[in-house]
Protein backbone atom coordinates (compact mmCIF):
# COMPACT_ATOMS: atom_id res chain seq x y z
CA MET A 1 -18.79 21.39 29.48
CA SER A 2 -15.35 22.47 29.08
CA ILE A 3 -12.57 20.46 27.83
CA THR A 4 -9.20 21.24 29.49
CA ILE A 5 -5.82 19.74 28.64
CA ALA A 6 -4.45 17.10 30.77
CA SER A 7 -7.76 16.24 32.04
CA SER A 8 -8.37 13.50 34.25
CA ASN A 9 -12.05 13.33 33.22
CA PRO A 10 -12.70 9.61 32.19
CA VAL A 11 -15.29 10.84 29.41
CA ASN A 12 -12.34 12.88 27.53
CA SER A 13 -9.95 10.07 27.76
CA ASP A 14 -12.33 7.53 26.54
CA ILE A 15 -13.22 9.78 23.65
CA GLU A 16 -9.61 10.20 22.92
CA THR A 17 -8.99 6.52 23.14
CA GLY A 18 -12.04 5.84 20.70
CA HIS A 19 -10.58 8.40 18.20
CA ALA A 20 -6.91 6.90 18.43
CA LEU A 21 -8.29 3.29 17.82
CA LEU A 22 -10.48 4.32 14.66
CA THR A 23 -7.65 6.34 13.37
CA ALA A 24 -5.31 3.08 14.00
CA LYS A 25 -7.92 0.91 12.47
CA LYS A 26 -7.95 3.09 9.01
CA VAL A 27 -4.16 3.53 8.83
CA GLN A 28 -3.86 -0.15 9.10
CA GLY A 29 -6.58 -0.76 6.32
CA GLN A 30 -4.81 1.66 4.06
CA GLN A 31 -1.26 -0.08 4.84
CA GLU A 32 -2.84 -3.52 3.90
CA LEU A 33 -4.56 -1.88 0.55
CA GLU A 34 -0.96 -0.68 -0.58
CA GLY A 35 0.47 -3.95 0.47
CA GLN A 36 -1.91 -5.87 -1.55
CA MET A 37 -1.20 -3.18 -4.43
CA ALA A 38 2.38 -3.78 -4.47
CA VAL A 39 2.02 -7.63 -4.27
CA LYS A 40 -0.08 -7.16 -7.58
CA LEU A 41 2.71 -5.02 -8.96
CA ILE A 42 5.41 -7.18 -8.46
CA GLU A 43 3.56 -10.09 -9.87
CA GLY A 44 2.46 -8.26 -13.06
CA ALA A 45 6.33 -7.27 -13.35
CA SER A 46 7.75 -10.64 -13.18
CA VAL A 47 8.49 -12.21 -16.38
CA ASP A 48 8.11 -16.00 -17.14
CA ALA A 49 11.42 -17.56 -18.63
CA ALA A 50 9.14 -19.58 -20.95
CA GLN A 51 7.90 -16.64 -22.57
CA LEU A 52 11.25 -15.24 -23.57
CA PRO A 53 12.54 -15.76 -26.87
CA THR A 54 15.56 -18.43 -27.10
CA THR A 55 17.17 -16.88 -30.17
CA ALA A 56 20.80 -15.56 -30.06
CA SER A 57 19.67 -12.55 -32.15
CA SER A 58 17.13 -11.42 -29.57
CA GLY A 59 17.23 -7.48 -29.35
CA HIS A 60 19.32 -7.25 -32.57
CA ASN A 61 16.50 -6.41 -34.68
CA ILE A 62 14.39 -3.16 -33.94
CA ASN A 63 11.53 -2.18 -36.23
CA ILE A 64 10.90 1.37 -36.35
CA LYS A 65 7.91 2.98 -37.95
CA VAL A 66 8.08 6.80 -38.67
């Protein structure tokens, strides 16, 4: 059996369609995973206002150990 470019053989087109669908599904899964990771990163970086110090001298004292 030979495979040619622009073949009208339905077997070839079914295989190509199948590979395209598998590739699209893997890409979708990867995008969903990256989206979940981005949401977790954003949620982890958010700072709750109740946890912030309320003193006026916040940031004026820096402890440096050498």
